[in-house]
Amino acid sequence: MMTQAEYEEALVERLTMLKEETDVEFVYELVEIYMAESPKMISSIRDAILKKDFEALRTTAHTLKGSSYNLGAKRLGDLCFALETAGRAKEQFPPLESIDELQKELNNLQILFDAFKKKQSL
């Protein structure tokens, strides 16, 4: 398991790579879209768990997983992968506490993304 410092370094490396492949404004836009859409997807995951809708759980978790991994948000991606797997297995719904984990990690990402943006403007 990665330490927090290793995780932050890997995230910054991914964002830096994206910046070099495109430009910093594009990366900012991607992050803004991700941070605007992720709470909606987390809410949809919560609804899927409450409604016991395996397919909605699988597809929404899959979507959030992909965008998380794309931005280097491995922890959130890994949490979504576990939810996606639960949705695919169609055996048992994850506990609602898993939503709290997603939200906690999203809050952590906001801090990391803000720090990245601040560093870019120096």
C-alpha atoms as a PDB file:
ATOM      1  CA  MET A   1       0.000   0.000   0.000  1.00  0.00           C
ATOM      2  CA  MET A   2       1.215   3.480  -0.874  1.00  0.00           C
ATOM      3  CA  THR A   3       2.012   6.004   1.803  1.00  0.00           C
ATOM      4  CA  GLN A   4       0.238   9.363   1.581  1.00  0.00           C
ATOM      5  CA  ALA A   5       3.442  10.981   0.324  1.00  0.00           C
ATOM      6  CA  GLU A   6       3.892   8.319  -2.382  1.00  0.00           C
ATOM      7  CA  TYR A   7       0.254   8.698  -3.386  1.00  0.00           C
ATOM      8  CA  GLU A   8       0.542  12.467  -3.645  1.00  0.00           C
ATOM      9  CA  GLU A   9       3.747  12.132  -5.673  1.00  0.00           C
ATOM     10  CA  ALA A  10       2.117   9.657  -8.085  1.00  0.00           C
ATOM     11  CA  LEU A  11      -0.892  11.951  -8.493  1.00  0.00           C
ATOM     12  CA  VAL A  12       1.303  14.970  -9.231  1.00  0.00           C
ATOM     13  CA  GLU A  13       3.339  12.884 -11.706  1.00  0.00           C
ATOM     14  CA  ARG A  14       0.153  11.911 -13.565  1.00  0.00           C
ATOM     15  CA  LEU A  15      -1.153  15.486 -13.640  1.00  0.00           C
ATOM     16  CA  THR A  16       2.268  16.717 -14.801  1.00  0.00           C
ATOM     17  CA  MET A  17       2.299  14.100 -17.565  1.00  0.00           C
ATOM     18  CA  LEU A  18      -1.167  15.202 -18.684  1.00  0.00           C
ATOM     19  CA  LYS A  19      -0.001  18.815 -18.609  1.00  0.00           C
ATOM     20  CA  GLU A  20       2.996  17.978 -20.798  1.00  0.00           C
ATOM     21  CA  GLU A  21       0.808  16.032 -23.253  1.00  0.00           C
ATOM     22  CA  THR A  22      -1.715  18.870 -23.510  1.00  0.00           C
ATOM     23  CA  ASP A  23      -1.439  22.105 -21.529  1.00  0.00           C
ATOM     24  CA  VAL A  24      -2.052  23.253 -17.992  1.00  0.00           C
ATOM     25  CA  GLU A  25      -5.413  24.893 -18.764  1.00  0.00           C
ATOM     26  CA  PHE A  26      -6.711  21.622 -20.201  1.00  0.00           C
ATOM     27  CA  VAL A  27      -5.637  19.772 -17.049  1.00  0.00           C
ATOM     28  CA  TYR A  28      -7.381  22.394 -14.907  1.00  0.00           C
ATOM     29  CA  GLU A  29     -10.531  21.940 -16.981  1.00  0.00           C
ATOM     30  CA  LEU A  30     -10.370  18.146 -16.615  1.00  0.00           C
ATOM     31  CA  VAL A  31      -9.983  18.480 -12.856  1.00  0.00           C
ATOM     32  CA  GLU A  32     -12.877  20.964 -12.653  1.00  0.00           C
ATOM     33  CA  ILE A  33     -15.166  18.631 -14.607  1.00  0.00           C
ATOM     34  CA  TYR A  34     -14.065  15.668 -12.500  1.00  0.00           C
ATOM     35  CA  MET A  35     -14.689  17.538  -9.245  1.00  0.00           C
ATOM     36  CA  ALA A  36     -18.102  18.726 -10.488  1.00  0.00           C
ATOM     37  CA  GLU A  37     -19.244  15.311 -11.746  1.00  0.00           C
ATOM     38  CA  SER A  38     -17.802  13.048  -9.048  1.00  0.00           C
ATOM     39  CA  PRO A  39     -20.254  14.077  -6.282  1.00  0.00           C
ATOM     40  CA  LYS A  40     -23.132  13.338  -8.678  1.00  0.00           C
ATOM     41  CA  MET A  41     -21.710   9.893  -9.405  1.00  0.00           C
ATOM     42  CA  ILE A  42     -21.155   9.203  -5.696  1.00  0.00           C
ATOM     43  CA  SER A  43     -24.798  10.149  -5.122  1.00  0.00           C
ATOM     44  CA  SER A  44     -25.831   7.765  -7.919  1.00  0.00           C
ATOM     45  CA  ILE A  45     -23.756   4.997  -6.332  1.00  0.00           C
ATOM     46  CA  ARG A  46     -25.493   5.659  -2.999  1.00  0.00           C
ATOM     47  CA  ASP A  47     -28.894   5.483  -4.753  1.00  0.00           C
ATOM     48  CA  ALA A  48     -27.935   2.229  -6.470  1.00  0.00           C
ATOM     49  CA  ILE A  49     -26.985   0.671  -3.131  1.00  0.00           C
ATOM     50  CA  LEU A  50     -30.194   1.890  -1.485  1.00  0.00           C
ATOM     51  CA  LYS A  51     -32.340   0.658  -4.405  1.00  0.00           C
ATOM     52  CA  LYS A  52     -30.346  -2.592  -4.618  1.00  0.00           C
ATOM     53  CA  ASP A  53     -29.654  -1.940  -8.307  1.00  0.00           C
ATOM     54  CA  PHE A  54     -26.567  -3.973  -9.181  1.00  0.00           C
ATOM     55  CA  GLU A  55     -26.393  -2.724 -12.775  1.00  0.00           C
ATOM     56  CA  ALA A  56     -26.517   0.961 -11.803  1.00  0.00           C
ATOM     57  CA  LEU A  57     -23.874   0.300  -9.146  1.00  0.00           C
ATOM     58  CA  ARG A  58     -21.610  -1.441 -11.660  1.00  0.00           C
ATOM     59  CA  THR A  59     -21.921   1.135 -14.434  1.00  0.00           C
ATOM     60  CA  THR A  60     -21.618   4.240 -12.269  1.00  0.00           C
ATOM     61  CA  ALA A  61     -18.696   2.845 -10.279  1.00  0.00           C
ATOM     62  CA  HIS A  62     -17.045   1.844 -13.568  1.00  0.00           C
ATOM     63  CA  THR A  63     -17.399   5.373 -14.960  1.00  0.00           C
ATOM     64  CA  LEU A  64     -16.032   7.040 -11.832  1.00  0.00           C
ATOM     65  CA  LYS A  65     -13.224   4.473 -11.682  1.00  0.00           C
ATOM     66  CA  GLY A  66     -12.094   5.297 -15.208  1.00  0.00           C
ATOM     67  CA  SER A  67     -12.037   9.038 -14.756  1.00  0.00           C
ATOM     68  CA  SER A  68     -10.306   8.655 -11.377  1.00  0.00           C
ATOM     69  CA  TYR A  69      -7.533   6.473 -12.787  1.00  0.00           C
ATOM     70  CA  ASN A  70      -7.161   8.834 -15.753  1.00  0.00           C
ATOM     71  CA  LEU A  71      -6.368  11.732 -13.417  1.00  0.00           C
ATOM     72  CA  GLY A  72      -4.104   9.651 -11.182  1.00  0.00           C
ATOM     73  CA  ALA A  73      -6.645   9.365  -8.360  1.00  0.00           C
ATOM     74  CA  LYS A  74      -5.739   5.745  -7.709  1.00  0.00           C
ATOM     75  CA  ARG A  75      -7.320   5.431  -4.267  1.00  0.00           C
ATOM     76  CA  LEU A  76     -10.718   6.625  -5.448  1.00  0.00           C
ATOM     77  CA  GLY A  77     -10.337   4.437  -8.537  1.00  0.00           C
ATOM     78  CA  ASP A  78      -9.579   1.412  -6.373  1.00  0.00           C
ATOM     79  CA  LEU A  79     -12.631   2.079  -4.172  1.00  0.00           C
ATOM     80  CA  CYS A  80     -14.766   2.298  -7.312  1.00  0.00           C
ATOM     81  CA  PHE A  81     -13.248  -0.893  -8.679  1.00  0.00           C
ATOM     82  CA  ALA A  82     -14.398  -2.740  -5.544  1.00  0.00           C
ATOM     83  CA  LEU A  83     -17.909  -1.304  -5.958  1.00  0.00           C
ATOM     84  CA  GLU A  84     -17.948  -2.159  -9.655  1.00  0.00           C
ATOM     85  CA  THR A  85     -16.896  -5.714  -8.823  1.00  0.00           C
ATOM     86  CA  ALA A  86     -19.702  -5.987  -6.255  1.00  0.00           C
ATOM     87  CA  GLY A  87     -22.175  -4.776  -8.869  1.00  0.00           C
ATOM     88  CA  ARG A  88     -20.889  -7.284 -11.400  1.00  0.00           C
ATOM     89  CA  ALA A  89     -21.013 -10.190  -8.915  1.00  0.00           C
ATOM     90  CA  LYS A  90     -24.672  -9.437  -8.078  1.00  0.00           C
ATOM     91  CA  GLU A  91     -24.344 -11.195  -4.729  1.00  0.00           C
ATOM     92  CA  GLN A  92     -24.132  -8.632  -1.944  1.00  0.00           C
ATOM     93  CA  PHE A  93     -24.393  -4.875  -1.814  1.00  0.00           C
ATOM     94  CA  PRO A  94     -21.549  -2.949  -0.230  1.00  0.00           C
ATOM     95  CA  PRO A  95     -22.309  -1.135   3.017  1.00  0.00           C
ATOM     96  CA  LEU A  96     -23.282   2.513   2.846  1.00  0.00           C
ATOM     97  CA  GLU A  97     -20.034   3.296   4.711  1.00  0.00           C
ATOM     98  CA  SER A  98     -18.287   2.758   1.374  1.00  0.00           C
ATOM     99  CA  ILE A  99     -19.941   6.004   0.240  1.00  0.00           C
ATOM    100  CA  ASP A 100     -18.292   7.793   3.168  1.00  0.00           C
ATOM    101  CA  GLU A 101     -14.927   6.426   1.998  1.00  0.00           C
ATOM    102  CA  LEU A 102     -15.555   7.753  -1.516  1.00  0.00           C
ATOM    103  CA  GLN A 103     -16.505  11.175  -0.166  1.00  0.00           C
ATOM    104  CA  LYS A 104     -13.503  11.292   2.161  1.00  0.00           C
ATOM    105  CA  GLU A 105     -11.169  10.470  -0.712  1.00  0.00           C
ATOM    106  CA  LEU A 106     -12.835  13.026  -2.976  1.00  0.00           C
ATOM    107  CA  ASN A 107     -12.308  15.684  -0.279  1.00  0.00           C
ATOM    108  CA  ASN A 108      -8.633  14.647  -0.076  1.00  0.00           C
ATOM    109  CA  LEU A 109      -8.346  14.930  -3.856  1.00  0.00           C
ATOM    110  CA  GLN A 110      -9.745  18.463  -3.798  1.00  0.00           C
ATOM    111  CA  ILE A 111      -6.919  19.450  -1.448  1.00  0.00           C
ATOM    112  CA  LEU A 112      -4.321  17.742  -3.654  1.00  0.00           C
ATOM    113  CA  PHE A 113      -5.701  19.250  -6.862  1.00  0.00           C
ATOM    114  CA  ASP A 114      -5.735  22.709  -5.267  1.00  0.00           C
ATOM    115  CA  ALA A 115      -2.110  22.269  -4.172  1.00  0.00           C
ATOM    116  CA  PHE A 116      -1.134  21.185  -7.703  1.00  0.00           C
ATOM    117  CA  LYS A 117      -2.851  24.218  -9.213  1.00  0.00           C
ATOM    118  CA  LYS A 118      -1.209  26.574  -6.716  1.00  0.00           C
ATOM    119  CA  LYS A 119       2.209  25.091  -7.465  1.00  0.00           C
ATOM    120  CA  GLN A 120       1.665  25.554 -11.215  1.00  0.00           C
ATOM    121  CA  SER A 121       0.934  29.252 -10.776  1.00  0.00           C
ATOM    122  CA  LEU A 122       4.169  29.964  -8.884  1.00  0.00           C
END
